Amino acid sequence: MVSHEGDADRASLRRALAAAETAAELKGRDIVILDMREQTGFFDYFVIVSGSSRRQLHSMSENIDDVLTKREGAKRIGLEGVGDSRWILLDYGDVVVHLFDPELRAYYALEDLWAAARRVDFSPSSSPQMP
């Protein structure tokens, strides 16, 4: 029997990196990818990004959704915070994207809350090669 678990892990990482790269292209700041696989069984990765305005947050949200659904074949199962929100959450099951304004990001401090999670190396336009 052939295991496809490694393929699923690589696909999840690829989606997280694609979300981060898309945010970076739209001038998202302080981009962090957390590997959540050892912390919870509900999802694999958090992608956390700051934006300077609601307009930028919405633009990043729309573009990330386009990339993940059209190019990466992900299915969005949840969307929270559209409208006047300063925190937009996109849920793809294995990857959860959090788009914050800096003040709300500091208040909720997800990186501190999930400090035990491993950070995935990410630099815009120099994403690690997939194995």
N, C-alpha and C. Protein backbone atom coordinates (compact mmCIF):
# COMPACT_ATOMS: atom_id res chain seq x y z
N MET A 1 0.84 -1.18 0.00
CA MET A 1 0.00 0.00 0.00
C MET A 1 0.89 1.25 0.00
N VAL A 2 0.56 2.21 -0.84
CA VAL A 2 1.34 3.43 -0.97
C VAL A 2 0.71 4.53 -0.13
N SER A 3 1.53 5.20 0.68
CA SER A 3 1.03 6.30 1.51
C SER A 3 1.13 7.61 0.75
N HIS A 4 0.08 8.38 0.81
CA HIS A 4 0.07 9.70 0.17
C HIS A 4 0.15 10.82 1.20
N GLU A 5 0.46 10.45 2.45
CA GLU A 5 0.52 11.45 3.51
C GLU A 5 1.59 12.50 3.22
N GLY A 6 2.75 12.08 2.70
CA GLY A 6 3.80 13.03 2.36
C GLY A 6 3.35 13.99 1.28
N ASP A 7 2.59 13.49 0.30
CA ASP A 7 2.06 14.35 -0.76
C ASP A 7 1.13 15.41 -0.18
N ALA A 8 0.28 15.00 0.75
CA ALA A 8 -0.65 15.95 1.38
C ALA A 8 0.11 17.00 2.18
N ASP A 9 1.16 16.57 2.90
CA ASP A 9 1.97 17.52 3.66
C ASP A 9 2.63 18.53 2.73
N ARG A 10 3.18 18.06 1.62
CA ARG A 10 3.82 18.95 0.65
C ARG A 10 2.80 19.90 0.03
N ALA A 11 1.61 19.41 -0.26
CA ALA A 11 0.57 20.26 -0.84
C ALA A 11 0.16 21.36 0.15
N SER A 12 0.05 21.01 1.42
CA SER A 12 -0.30 22.01 2.44
C SER A 12 0.78 23.07 2.55
N LEU A 13 2.04 22.64 2.58
CA LEU A 13 3.14 23.60 2.65
C LEU A 13 3.16 24.47 1.41
N ARG A 14 2.95 23.88 0.25
CA ARG A 14 2.93 24.65 -1.00
C ARG A 14 1.83 25.72 -0.95
N ARG A 15 0.66 25.38 -0.42
CA ARG A 15 -0.42 26.36 -0.31
C ARG A 15 -0.06 27.48 0.68
N ALA A 16 0.54 27.11 1.80
CA ALA A 16 0.95 28.13 2.78
C ALA A 16 1.97 29.09 2.17
N LEU A 17 2.95 28.54 1.45
CA LEU A 17 3.96 29.38 0.81
C LEU A 17 3.35 30.24 -0.29
N ALA A 18 2.40 29.70 -1.04
CA ALA A 18 1.73 30.48 -2.09
C ALA A 18 0.95 31.64 -1.48
N ALA A 19 0.28 31.41 -0.36
CA ALA A 19 -0.45 32.48 0.32
C ALA A 19 0.52 33.56 0.79
N ALA A 20 1.63 33.15 1.38
CA ALA A 20 2.62 34.10 1.88
C ALA A 20 3.24 34.89 0.74
N GLU A 21 3.58 34.23 -0.35
CA GLU A 21 4.17 34.90 -1.50
C GLU A 21 3.19 35.91 -2.11
N THR A 22 1.94 35.53 -2.21
CA THR A 22 0.92 36.44 -2.74
C THR A 22 0.79 37.67 -1.86
N ALA A 23 0.77 37.48 -0.55
CA ALA A 23 0.70 38.61 0.38
C ALA A 23 1.92 39.51 0.22
N ALA A 24 3.09 38.92 0.06
CA ALA A 24 4.32 39.70 -0.10
C ALA A 24 4.27 40.53 -1.38
N GLU A 25 3.76 39.95 -2.45
CA GLU A 25 3.64 40.68 -3.72
C GLU A 25 2.74 41.90 -3.58
N LEU A 26 1.81 41.85 -2.64
CA LEU A 26 0.88 42.96 -2.41
C LEU A 26 1.30 43.81 -1.22
N LYS A 27 2.58 43.74 -0.88
CA LYS A 27 3.19 44.56 0.17
C LYS A 27 2.72 44.22 1.57
N GLY A 28 2.28 42.97 1.78
CA GLY A 28 2.00 42.51 3.14
C GLY A 28 3.30 42.53 3.94
N ARG A 29 3.20 42.76 5.23
CA ARG A 29 4.40 42.89 6.06
C ARG A 29 4.41 41.85 7.17
N ASP A 30 5.61 41.65 7.70
CA ASP A 30 5.80 40.77 8.86
C ASP A 30 5.13 39.42 8.65
N ILE A 31 5.43 38.80 7.53
CA ILE A 31 4.79 37.54 7.15
C ILE A 31 5.42 36.39 7.93
N VAL A 32 4.57 35.62 8.59
CA VAL A 32 5.01 34.47 9.38
C VAL A 32 4.19 33.26 8.97
N ILE A 33 4.87 32.14 8.78
CA ILE A 33 4.19 30.86 8.55
C ILE A 33 4.52 29.97 9.74
N LEU A 34 3.48 29.49 10.41
CA LEU A 34 3.66 28.58 11.55
C LEU A 34 3.23 27.18 11.15
N ASP A 35 4.10 26.21 11.42
CA ASP A 35 3.79 24.80 11.20
C ASP A 35 3.02 24.32 12.43
N MET A 36 1.73 24.09 12.24
CA MET A 36 0.84 23.77 13.36
C MET A 36 0.58 22.27 13.51
N ARG A 37 1.23 21.44 12.71
CA ARG A 37 0.90 20.01 12.69
C ARG A 37 1.12 19.32 14.03
N GLU A 38 2.09 19.77 14.81
CA GLU A 38 2.32 19.15 16.12
C GLU A 38 1.52 19.83 17.23
N GLN A 39 0.81 20.90 16.90
CA GLN A 39 0.05 21.66 17.89
C GLN A 39 -1.43 21.31 17.89
N THR A 40 -1.95 20.96 16.72
CA THR A 40 -3.38 20.70 16.59
C THR A 40 -3.63 19.76 15.41
N GLY A 41 -4.70 19.05 15.46
CA GLY A 41 -5.08 18.17 14.36
C GLY A 41 -6.07 18.81 13.40
N PHE A 42 -6.39 20.08 13.63
CA PHE A 42 -7.41 20.73 12.82
C PHE A 42 -6.88 21.34 11.53
N PHE A 43 -5.64 21.76 11.51
CA PHE A 43 -5.04 22.38 10.33
C PHE A 43 -3.54 22.21 10.41
N ASP A 44 -2.86 22.45 9.28
CA ASP A 44 -1.42 22.23 9.20
C ASP A 44 -0.60 23.51 9.37
N TYR A 45 -1.06 24.61 8.78
CA TYR A 45 -0.27 25.84 8.78
C TYR A 45 -1.13 27.06 9.05
N PHE A 46 -0.56 28.02 9.78
CA PHE A 46 -1.08 29.37 9.90
C PHE A 46 -0.19 30.24 9.03
N VAL A 47 -0.77 31.14 8.29
CA VAL A 47 -0.04 32.20 7.61
C VAL A 47 -0.56 33.50 8.22
N ILE A 48 0.34 34.29 8.79
CA ILE A 48 -0.04 35.52 9.49
C ILE A 48 0.63 36.69 8.78
N VAL A 49 -0.17 37.71 8.44
CA VAL A 49 0.32 38.83 7.64
C VAL A 49 -0.27 40.13 8.19
N SER A 50 0.52 41.19 8.17
CA SER A 50 0.02 42.53 8.51
C SER A 50 -0.18 43.34 7.24
N GLY A 51 -1.23 44.16 7.27
CA GLY A 51 -1.49 45.10 6.18
C GLY A 51 -1.71 46.48 6.76
N SER A 52 -1.46 47.50 5.96
CA SER A 52 -1.51 48.87 6.49
C SER A 52 -2.88 49.52 6.40
N SER A 53 -3.81 48.92 5.65
CA SER A 53 -5.14 49.51 5.52
C SER A 53 -6.17 48.40 5.28
N ARG A 54 -7.42 48.74 5.50
CA ARG A 54 -8.48 47.76 5.22
C ARG A 54 -8.51 47.41 3.74
N ARG A 55 -8.29 48.40 2.91
CA ARG A 55 -8.27 48.16 1.47
C ARG A 55 -7.18 47.14 1.11
N GLN A 56 -6.00 47.30 1.69
CA GLN A 56 -4.91 46.36 1.43
C GLN A 56 -5.26 44.97 1.95
N LEU A 57 -5.84 44.89 3.15
CA LEU A 57 -6.24 43.59 3.70
C LEU A 57 -7.23 42.89 2.77
N HIS A 58 -8.20 43.62 2.26
CA HIS A 58 -9.19 43.03 1.35
C HIS A 58 -8.56 42.62 0.03
N SER A 59 -7.66 43.42 -0.49
CA SER A 59 -6.96 43.07 -1.72
C SER A 59 -6.15 41.79 -1.54
N MET A 60 -5.42 41.71 -0.43
CA MET A 60 -4.65 40.49 -0.16
C MET A 60 -5.59 39.30 -0.03
N SER A 61 -6.70 39.47 0.66
CA SER A 61 -7.66 38.39 0.84
C SER A 61 -8.16 37.86 -0.50
N GLU A 62 -8.58 38.76 -1.37
CA GLU A 62 -9.11 38.36 -2.68
C GLU A 62 -8.05 37.66 -3.52
N ASN A 63 -6.83 38.22 -3.53
CA ASN A 63 -5.77 37.64 -4.35
C ASN A 63 -5.29 36.30 -3.81
N ILE A 64 -5.16 36.18 -2.51
CA ILE A 64 -4.77 34.90 -1.91
C ILE A 64 -5.82 33.85 -2.24
N ASP A 65 -7.09 34.22 -2.11
CA ASP A 65 -8.16 33.27 -2.42
C ASP A 65 -8.10 32.83 -3.88
N ASP A 66 -7.86 33.76 -4.79
CA ASP A 66 -7.75 33.40 -6.21
C ASP A 66 -6.60 32.42 -6.44
N VAL A 67 -5.44 32.72 -5.86
CA VAL A 67 -4.27 31.85 -6.06
C VAL A 67 -4.51 30.46 -5.47
N LEU A 68 -5.02 30.42 -4.25
CA LEU A 68 -5.19 29.11 -3.61
C LEU A 68 -6.30 28.28 -4.26
N THR A 69 -7.38 28.91 -4.65
CA THR A 69 -8.47 28.12 -5.24
C THR A 69 -8.23 27.79 -6.70
N LYS A 70 -7.72 28.74 -7.47
CA LYS A 70 -7.56 28.51 -8.92
C LYS A 70 -6.26 27.81 -9.27
N ARG A 71 -5.16 28.22 -8.66
CA ARG A 71 -3.86 27.64 -9.02
C ARG A 71 -3.52 26.42 -8.18
N GLU A 72 -3.84 26.47 -6.89
CA GLU A 72 -3.44 25.40 -5.97
C GLU A 72 -4.54 24.37 -5.74
N GLY A 73 -5.73 24.62 -6.24
CA GLY A 73 -6.81 23.65 -6.12
C GLY A 73 -7.41 23.52 -4.73
N ALA A 74 -7.17 24.51 -3.88
CA ALA A 74 -7.72 24.48 -2.52
C ALA A 74 -9.19 24.89 -2.56
N LYS A 75 -9.91 24.47 -1.55
CA LYS A 75 -11.31 24.86 -1.41
C LYS A 75 -11.46 25.65 -0.12
N ARG A 76 -11.91 26.89 -0.25
CA ARG A 76 -12.11 27.70 0.95
C ARG A 76 -13.34 27.20 1.68
N ILE A 77 -13.17 26.92 2.97
CA ILE A 77 -14.31 26.44 3.76
C ILE A 77 -14.79 27.47 4.77
N GLY A 78 -14.06 28.58 4.88
CA GLY A 78 -14.49 29.61 5.81
C GLY A 78 -13.88 30.95 5.46
N LEU A 79 -14.63 32.00 5.72
CA LEU A 79 -14.18 33.37 5.52
C LEU A 79 -14.80 34.21 6.61
N GLU A 80 -13.98 34.89 7.38
CA GLU A 80 -14.46 35.75 8.46
C GLU A 80 -13.82 37.12 8.34
N GLY A 81 -14.56 38.14 8.74
CA GLY A 81 -13.98 39.46 8.87
C GLY A 81 -14.06 40.35 7.66
N VAL A 82 -14.87 40.02 6.69
CA VAL A 82 -15.02 40.89 5.53
C VAL A 82 -15.88 42.08 5.94
N GLY A 83 -15.71 43.19 5.27
CA GLY A 83 -16.45 44.40 5.62
C GLY A 83 -15.50 45.39 6.24
N ASP A 84 -15.85 45.88 7.41
CA ASP A 84 -15.02 46.87 8.08
C ASP A 84 -13.97 46.25 8.99
N SER A 85 -13.76 44.97 8.86
CA SER A 85 -12.88 44.26 9.77
C SER A 85 -11.42 44.65 9.58
N ARG A 86 -10.69 44.55 10.68
CA ARG A 86 -9.24 44.74 10.66
C ARG A 86 -8.53 43.40 10.81
N TRP A 87 -9.31 42.31 10.76
CA TRP A 87 -8.77 40.95 10.82
C TRP A 87 -9.61 40.11 9.88
N ILE A 88 -8.99 39.60 8.84
CA ILE A 88 -9.66 38.72 7.89
C ILE A 88 -9.05 37.34 8.04
N LEU A 89 -9.91 36.33 8.15
CA LEU A 89 -9.46 34.95 8.27
C LEU A 89 -9.98 34.16 7.08
N LEU A 90 -9.07 33.49 6.39
CA LEU A 90 -9.40 32.60 5.27
C LEU A 90 -9.05 31.18 5.70
N ASP A 91 -10.01 30.29 5.66
CA ASP A 91 -9.81 28.91 6.12
C ASP A 91 -9.93 27.96 4.94
N TYR A 92 -8.84 27.23 4.68
CA TYR A 92 -8.80 26.24 3.60
C TYR A 92 -8.69 24.82 4.14
N GLY A 93 -8.99 24.64 5.40
CA GLY A 93 -8.91 23.33 6.02
C GLY A 93 -7.52 23.03 6.53
N ASP A 94 -6.56 22.87 5.63
CA ASP A 94 -5.19 22.59 6.03
C ASP A 94 -4.37 23.85 6.28
N VAL A 95 -4.78 24.95 5.68
CA VAL A 95 -4.07 26.23 5.82
C VAL A 95 -5.09 27.29 6.25
N VAL A 96 -4.73 28.05 7.29
CA VAL A 96 -5.56 29.16 7.75
C VAL A 96 -4.73 30.43 7.62
N VAL A 97 -5.27 31.41 6.89
CA VAL A 97 -4.58 32.67 6.65
C VAL A 97 -5.23 33.75 7.51
N HIS A 98 -4.39 34.46 8.28
CA HIS A 98 -4.84 35.57 9.12
C HIS A 98 -4.24 36.86 8.57
N LEU A 99 -5.08 37.80 8.18
CA LEU A 99 -4.65 39.10 7.69
C LEU A 99 -5.08 40.15 8.71
N PHE A 100 -4.12 40.85 9.28
CA PHE A 100 -4.39 41.78 10.38
C PHE A 100 -3.92 43.19 10.06
N ASP A 101 -4.56 44.18 10.69
CA ASP A 101 -3.89 45.47 10.79
C ASP A 101 -2.91 45.33 11.97
N PRO A 102 -1.86 46.14 12.01
CA PRO A 102 -0.81 45.94 13.03
C PRO A 102 -1.31 46.01 14.47
N GLU A 103 -2.25 46.91 14.75
CA GLU A 103 -2.75 47.06 16.12
C GLU A 103 -3.48 45.79 16.60
N LEU A 104 -4.34 45.26 15.78
CA LEU A 104 -5.08 44.05 16.16
C LEU A 104 -4.15 42.84 16.21
N ARG A 105 -3.18 42.80 15.32
CA ARG A 105 -2.22 41.69 15.35
C ARG A 105 -1.46 41.69 16.67
N ALA A 106 -1.03 42.85 17.10
CA ALA A 106 -0.30 42.95 18.38
C ALA A 106 -1.22 42.56 19.55
N TYR A 107 -2.47 42.95 19.48
CA TYR A 107 -3.41 42.65 20.56
C TYR A 107 -3.63 41.14 20.70
N TYR A 108 -3.88 40.45 19.58
CA TYR A 108 -4.16 39.01 19.65
C TYR A 108 -2.89 38.16 19.73
N ALA A 109 -1.78 38.66 19.23
CA ALA A 109 -0.47 38.03 19.39
C ALA A 109 -0.49 36.52 19.13
N LEU A 110 -0.98 36.14 17.96
CA LEU A 110 -1.06 34.71 17.64
C LEU A 110 0.29 34.01 17.68
N GLU A 111 1.35 34.72 17.26
CA GLU A 111 2.68 34.11 17.31
C GLU A 111 3.08 33.77 18.73
N ASP A 112 2.69 34.58 19.69
CA ASP A 112 2.99 34.29 21.10
C ASP A 112 2.10 33.17 21.62
N LEU A 113 0.83 33.22 21.26
CA LEU A 113 -0.11 32.20 21.69
C LEU A 113 0.33 30.81 21.22
N TRP A 114 0.85 30.74 20.01
CA TRP A 114 1.30 29.48 19.42
C TRP A 114 2.83 29.43 19.34
N ALA A 115 3.49 29.92 20.37
CA ALA A 115 4.96 30.01 20.38
C ALA A 115 5.65 28.66 20.21
N ALA A 116 4.98 27.58 20.58
CA ALA A 116 5.59 26.25 20.45
C ALA A 116 5.62 25.76 19.01
N ALA A 117 4.88 26.41 18.13
CA ALA A 117 4.85 25.99 16.72
C ALA A 117 6.15 26.40 16.03
N ARG A 118 6.62 25.51 15.16
CA ARG A 118 7.83 25.79 14.39
C ARG A 118 7.52 26.82 13.31
N ARG A 119 8.43 27.79 13.14
CA ARG A 119 8.29 28.77 12.06
C ARG A 119 8.90 28.19 10.79
N VAL A 120 8.18 28.36 9.71
CA VAL A 120 8.66 27.92 8.40
C VAL A 120 9.47 29.06 7.81
N ASP A 121 10.67 28.75 7.30
CA ASP A 121 11.49 29.77 6.66
C ASP A 121 10.76 30.31 5.44
N PHE A 122 10.65 31.63 5.37
CA PHE A 122 10.02 32.27 4.23
C PHE A 122 10.66 33.61 3.98
N SER A 123 11.08 33.82 2.75
CA SER A 123 11.52 35.12 2.28
C SER A 123 10.82 35.34 0.94
N PRO A 124 10.20 36.48 0.75
CA PRO A 124 9.49 36.72 -0.51
C PRO A 124 10.37 36.45 -1.72
N SER A 125 9.79 35.79 -2.71
CA SER A 125 10.45 35.45 -3.97
C SER A 125 11.63 34.52 -3.81
N SER A 126 11.80 33.95 -2.62
CA SER A 126 12.86 32.97 -2.44
C SER A 126 12.34 31.83 -1.57
N SER A 127 11.10 31.44 -1.85
CA SER A 127 10.50 30.35 -1.09
C SER A 127 11.34 29.10 -1.21
N PRO A 128 11.43 28.30 -0.14
CA PRO A 128 12.23 27.08 -0.21
C PRO A 128 11.69 26.14 -1.28
N GLN A 129 12.58 25.41 -1.88
CA GLN A 129 12.19 24.43 -2.89
C GLN A 129 11.46 23.28 -2.23
N MET A 130 10.43 22.83 -2.88
CA MET A 130 9.68 21.68 -2.37
C MET A 130 10.50 20.42 -2.56
N PRO A 131 10.45 19.50 -1.57
CA PRO A 131 11.20 18.25 -1.71
C PRO A 131 10.64 17.39 -2.83
